[in-house]
């Protein structure tokens, strides 16, 4: 079972002039066409994200599988939109990537690499670069494209990154990856558990929670996300 507490890949942030172009223009053009023309959002049954805070007074081992209210504030996603619309541009790009992955029988490969790239983008070193107000969008785009190319990611994911860079939409990349993970989790039947805490929780504790949730729910796969926030409720995702 998975948790998002593992360490980030040790990829080096490339210099702005050390980026190669390994994806063929034909493949990139195919992906552009697919993103432009697709109006399909996978018609998936919404799944439940369980959310609870570590400040709850009820111990985890007392949770009953017939009483989901043991978790505070369960989050039920809204029903999926109609097949001809997307809730956001990020959802449209994510749906296109998922469809391309399905057509090429590479959903699992893309899914794993999406999670890996998402972790990389959230690492402190990359976040510093992408949040630098003195660095232009073009330079940030080259950095992100270089990470995608040098990280040995699935070629369809690399195509998507290049497409977003070319359209000056690097800022929505993280949202696209998050949306893809949401769809991917639905397809796999993954039970996602969100845990809020003031400080980052130990990986061993997160694994223990995942094991307990899997036993109670019977889920095939459980993914635990640790949301770290201070007293002002500013929350970030701990990796």
Protein backbone atom coordinates (compact mmCIF):
# COMPACT_ATOMS: atom_id res chain seq x y z
CA UNK A 1 0.00 0.00 0.00
CA UNK A 2 1.15 3.48 -0.75
CA UNK A 3 1.76 6.57 1.31
CA UNK A 4 3.04 9.91 0.13
CA UNK A 5 5.66 10.15 2.83
CA UNK A 6 8.54 8.74 0.83
CA UNK A 7 11.50 10.91 -0.09
CA UNK A 8 11.67 12.79 -3.35
CA UNK A 9 13.81 11.61 -6.23
CA UNK A 10 17.33 13.02 -6.21
CA UNK A 11 17.09 14.46 -9.69
CA UNK A 12 19.18 17.58 -10.19
CA UNK A 13 17.53 20.75 -11.40
CA UNK A 14 19.07 21.36 -14.83
CA UNK A 15 20.60 24.61 -15.90
CA UNK A 16 18.55 26.69 -18.28
CA UNK A 17 20.74 25.85 -21.26
CA UNK A 18 21.32 22.12 -20.69
CA UNK A 19 17.98 20.79 -21.92
CA UNK A 20 17.75 18.26 -24.72
CA UNK A 21 14.79 17.54 -26.97
CA UNK A 22 14.20 13.79 -26.98
CA UNK A 23 10.51 13.55 -27.89
CA UNK A 24 9.77 13.50 -31.58
CA UNK A 25 7.79 16.37 -33.06
CA UNK A 26 5.38 13.83 -34.57
CA UNK A 27 4.46 12.47 -31.15
CA UNK A 28 4.12 15.97 -29.70
CA UNK A 29 1.85 17.03 -32.56
CA UNK A 30 -0.26 13.90 -32.03
CA UNK A 31 -0.68 14.76 -28.37
CA UNK A 32 -1.57 18.39 -29.21
CA UNK A 33 -4.24 17.15 -31.59
CA UNK A 34 -5.61 14.78 -29.00
CA UNK A 35 -5.77 17.45 -26.30
CA UNK A 36 -7.40 19.91 -28.70
CA UNK A 37 -10.04 17.52 -29.97
CA UNK A 38 -10.89 15.45 -26.91
CA UNK A 39 -14.16 16.30 -25.22
CA UNK A 40 -14.22 13.19 -23.09
CA UNK A 41 -14.04 12.98 -19.33
CA UNK A 42 -13.92 9.39 -17.99
CA UNK A 43 -17.37 8.50 -16.61
CA UNK A 44 -16.19 7.20 -13.27
CA UNK A 45 -18.09 6.60 -10.09
CA UNK A 46 -16.99 9.16 -7.49
CA UNK A 47 -15.05 7.67 -4.60
CA UNK A 48 -14.77 8.86 -1.04
CA UNK A 49 -11.77 10.67 0.35
CA UNK A 50 -11.58 10.02 4.07
CA UNK A 51 -10.28 13.01 5.98
CA UNK A 52 -9.42 13.23 9.63
CA UNK A 53 -7.29 15.29 11.94
CA UNK A 54 -4.69 13.96 14.31
CA UNK A 55 -6.32 16.08 17.01
CA UNK A 56 -9.36 13.76 17.17
CA UNK A 57 -9.99 12.27 20.60
CA UNK A 58 -11.14 8.91 19.28
CA UNK A 59 -8.27 6.44 18.74
CA UNK A 60 -7.86 4.91 15.33
CA UNK A 61 -8.11 1.36 16.68
CA UNK A 62 -11.63 2.07 17.89
CA UNK A 63 -12.94 2.93 14.42
CA UNK A 64 -15.81 0.76 13.32
CA UNK A 65 -16.05 -0.24 9.70
CA UNK A 66 -19.81 0.39 9.85
CA UNK A 67 -19.41 3.93 11.19
CA UNK A 68 -17.38 6.08 8.79
CA UNK A 69 -18.14 9.09 10.97
CA UNK A 70 -15.11 8.08 13.01
CA UNK A 71 -13.27 10.18 10.45
CA UNK A 72 -14.02 13.88 10.64
CA UNK A 73 -15.48 15.70 7.67
CA UNK A 74 -15.62 13.02 4.93
CA UNK A 75 -15.23 14.65 1.55
CA UNK A 76 -17.51 13.44 -1.23
CA UNK A 77 -16.44 14.71 -4.66
CA UNK A 78 -19.12 16.21 -6.87
CA UNK A 79 -20.57 13.95 -9.58
CA UNK A 80 -18.51 13.90 -12.77
CA UNK A 81 -19.41 16.52 -15.38
CA UNK A 82 -21.16 15.72 -18.62
CA UNK A 83 -18.96 14.01 -21.25
CA UNK A 84 -18.75 17.21 -23.32
CA UNK A 85 -17.36 19.46 -20.59
CA UNK A 86 -14.47 19.70 -18.15
CA UNK A 87 -14.56 21.29 -14.74
CA UNK A 88 -11.27 23.08 -15.42
CA UNK A 89 -8.48 23.26 -18.00
CA UNK A 90 -6.42 21.02 -15.71
CA UNK A 91 -9.17 18.37 -15.82
CA UNK A 92 -9.18 18.52 -19.61
CA UNK A 93 -5.42 18.00 -19.89
CA UNK A 94 -5.54 15.21 -17.31
CA UNK A 95 -8.39 13.47 -19.16
CA UNK A 96 -6.47 13.69 -22.43
CA UNK A 97 -3.34 12.20 -20.82
CA UNK A 98 -5.41 9.40 -19.30
CA UNK A 99 -7.04 8.61 -22.66
CA UNK A 100 -3.70 8.56 -24.47
CA UNK A 101 -2.30 6.27 -21.77
CA UNK A 102 -5.29 3.95 -22.14
CA UNK A 103 -4.92 3.80 -25.92
CA UNK A 104 -1.27 2.83 -25.49
CA UNK A 105 -1.84 0.36 -22.60
CA UNK A 106 0.40 2.42 -20.34
CA UNK A 107 -1.95 3.70 -17.64
CA UNK A 108 0.04 2.09 -14.83
CA UNK A 109 3.35 3.40 -16.14
CA UNK A 110 1.99 6.91 -16.59
CA UNK A 111 0.28 6.80 -13.21
CA UNK A 112 3.49 5.93 -11.38
CA UNK A 113 5.44 8.61 -13.22
CA UNK A 114 2.77 11.24 -12.59
CA UNK A 115 3.10 10.60 -8.86
CA UNK A 116 6.90 10.73 -9.13
CA UNK A 117 6.88 14.01 -11.07
CA UNK A 118 4.34 15.49 -8.66
CA UNK A 119 6.63 14.73 -5.73
CA UNK A 120 9.57 16.23 -7.57
CA UNK A 121 7.71 19.47 -8.30
CA UNK A 122 6.82 19.75 -4.60
CA UNK A 123 10.39 19.29 -3.45
CA UNK A 124 11.90 22.35 -1.81
CA UNK A 125 14.64 22.77 -4.40
CA UNK A 126 12.27 22.83 -7.37
CA UNK A 127 9.66 24.93 -5.58
CA UNK A 128 12.26 27.61 -4.90
CA UNK A 129 13.05 27.82 -8.61
CA UNK A 130 9.42 27.86 -9.77
CA UNK A 131 8.40 30.46 -7.20
CA UNK A 132 11.28 32.83 -8.00
CA UNK A 133 9.63 36.15 -8.99
CA UNK A 134 12.76 37.18 -10.91
CA UNK A 135 12.64 34.11 -13.16
CA UNK A 136 10.42 34.43 -16.23
CA UNK A 137 7.83 31.90 -17.31
CA UNK A 138 9.92 30.86 -20.28
CA UNK A 139 12.90 30.04 -18.06
CA UNK A 140 10.69 28.16 -15.60
CA UNK A 141 9.23 26.23 -18.50
CA UNK A 142 12.67 25.19 -19.68
CA UNK A 143 13.54 24.00 -16.18
CA UNK A 144 10.39 21.89 -15.91
CA UNK A 145 10.83 20.47 -19.40
CA UNK A 146 14.41 19.56 -18.57
CA UNK A 147 13.30 17.74 -15.42
CA UNK A 148 10.75 15.78 -17.41
CA UNK A 149 13.23 14.82 -20.10
CA UNK A 150 16.08 13.89 -17.77
CA UNK A 151 13.90 12.03 -15.26
CA UNK A 152 13.21 9.03 -17.51
CA UNK A 153 9.46 9.63 -17.33
CA UNK A 154 6.91 7.99 -19.58
CA UNK A 155 7.01 9.58 -23.03
CA UNK A 156 3.31 10.53 -22.95
CA UNK A 157 3.85 12.45 -19.72
CA UNK A 158 6.88 14.18 -21.23
CA UNK A 159 4.71 15.16 -24.22
CA UNK A 160 2.16 16.72 -21.92
CA UNK A 161 4.84 18.72 -20.09
CA UNK A 162 6.22 19.99 -23.41
CA UNK A 163 2.73 20.93 -24.54
CA UNK A 164 2.07 22.93 -21.38
CA UNK A 165 5.48 24.61 -21.62
CA UNK A 166 4.81 25.54 -25.24
CA UNK A 167 1.49 27.10 -24.25
CA UNK A 168 2.98 28.94 -21.25
CA UNK A 169 0.84 26.90 -18.87
CA UNK A 170 3.53 25.54 -16.57
CA UNK A 171 1.61 27.01 -13.66
CA UNK A 172 -1.22 24.48 -14.07
CA UNK A 173 1.05 21.42 -14.34
CA UNK A 174 0.70 20.47 -10.66
CA UNK A 175 -3.08 20.75 -10.94
CA UNK A 176 -3.05 18.52 -14.02
CA UNK A 177 -0.99 15.91 -12.20
CA UNK A 178 -3.29 16.04 -9.17
CA UNK A 179 -6.34 15.60 -11.37
CA UNK A 180 -4.75 12.65 -13.18
CA UNK A 181 -3.99 11.01 -9.83
CA UNK A 182 -7.61 11.50 -8.78
CA UNK A 183 -8.86 9.74 -11.92
CA UNK A 184 -6.19 7.04 -11.62
CA UNK A 185 -7.15 6.36 -8.00
CA UNK A 186 -10.80 5.99 -9.04
CA UNK A 187 -9.91 3.50 -11.73
CA UNK A 188 -7.82 1.40 -9.32
CA UNK A 189 -10.39 1.64 -6.55
CA UNK A 190 -7.84 3.30 -4.29
CA UNK A 191 -9.04 4.56 -0.92
CA UNK A 192 -7.44 7.96 -0.33
CA UNK A 193 -7.02 9.06 3.29
CA UNK A 194 -6.19 12.69 4.10
CA UNK A 195 -4.60 13.28 7.50
CA UNK A 196 -4.13 16.78 8.84
CA UNK A 197 -1.41 17.48 11.39
CA UNK A 198 0.57 20.42 12.71
CA UNK A 199 3.87 18.69 11.93
CA UNK A 200 4.83 16.14 9.32
CA UNK A 201 4.00 12.63 10.52
CA UNK A 202 6.48 9.76 10.50
CA UNK A 203 6.27 7.34 7.60
CA UNK A 204 5.86 4.39 9.96
CA UNK A 205 2.76 6.00 11.50
CA UNK A 206 1.27 6.71 8.06
CA UNK A 207 1.82 3.11 7.01
CA UNK A 208 0.11 1.96 10.18
CA UNK A 209 -2.91 4.13 9.43
CA UNK A 210 -3.01 2.83 5.86
CA UNK A 211 -2.99 -0.76 7.11
CA UNK A 212 -5.80 -0.05 9.56
CA UNK A 213 -7.94 1.68 6.92
CA UNK A 214 -7.39 -1.16 4.48
CA UNK A 215 -8.48 -3.69 7.08
CA UNK A 216 -11.62 -1.71 7.95
CA UNK A 217 -12.68 -0.82 4.42
CA UNK A 218 -11.44 -3.83 2.47
CA UNK A 219 -9.92 -1.50 -0.11
CA UNK A 220 -7.52 -3.07 -2.58
CA UNK A 221 -5.17 -0.12 -2.23
CA UNK A 222 -4.89 2.69 0.31
CA UNK A 223 -3.04 5.96 -0.22
CA UNK A 224 -2.33 8.21 2.75
CA UNK A 225 -1.69 11.93 2.28
CA UNK A 226 -0.37 13.96 5.19
CA UNK A 227 -1.66 17.56 5.09
CA UNK A 228 0.56 19.73 7.27
CA UNK A 229 -0.83 23.07 8.52
CA UNK A 230 -0.14 25.59 11.27
CA UNK A 231 -2.55 27.24 13.66
CA UNK A 232 -3.70 29.63 10.91
CA UNK A 233 -4.80 26.58 8.89
CA UNK A 234 -2.26 27.11 6.14
CA UNK A 235 -1.97 23.62 4.72
CA UNK A 236 0.63 21.96 2.52
CA UNK A 237 1.13 18.40 1.37
CA UNK A 238 3.99 16.64 3.13
CA UNK A 239 5.90 14.17 0.96
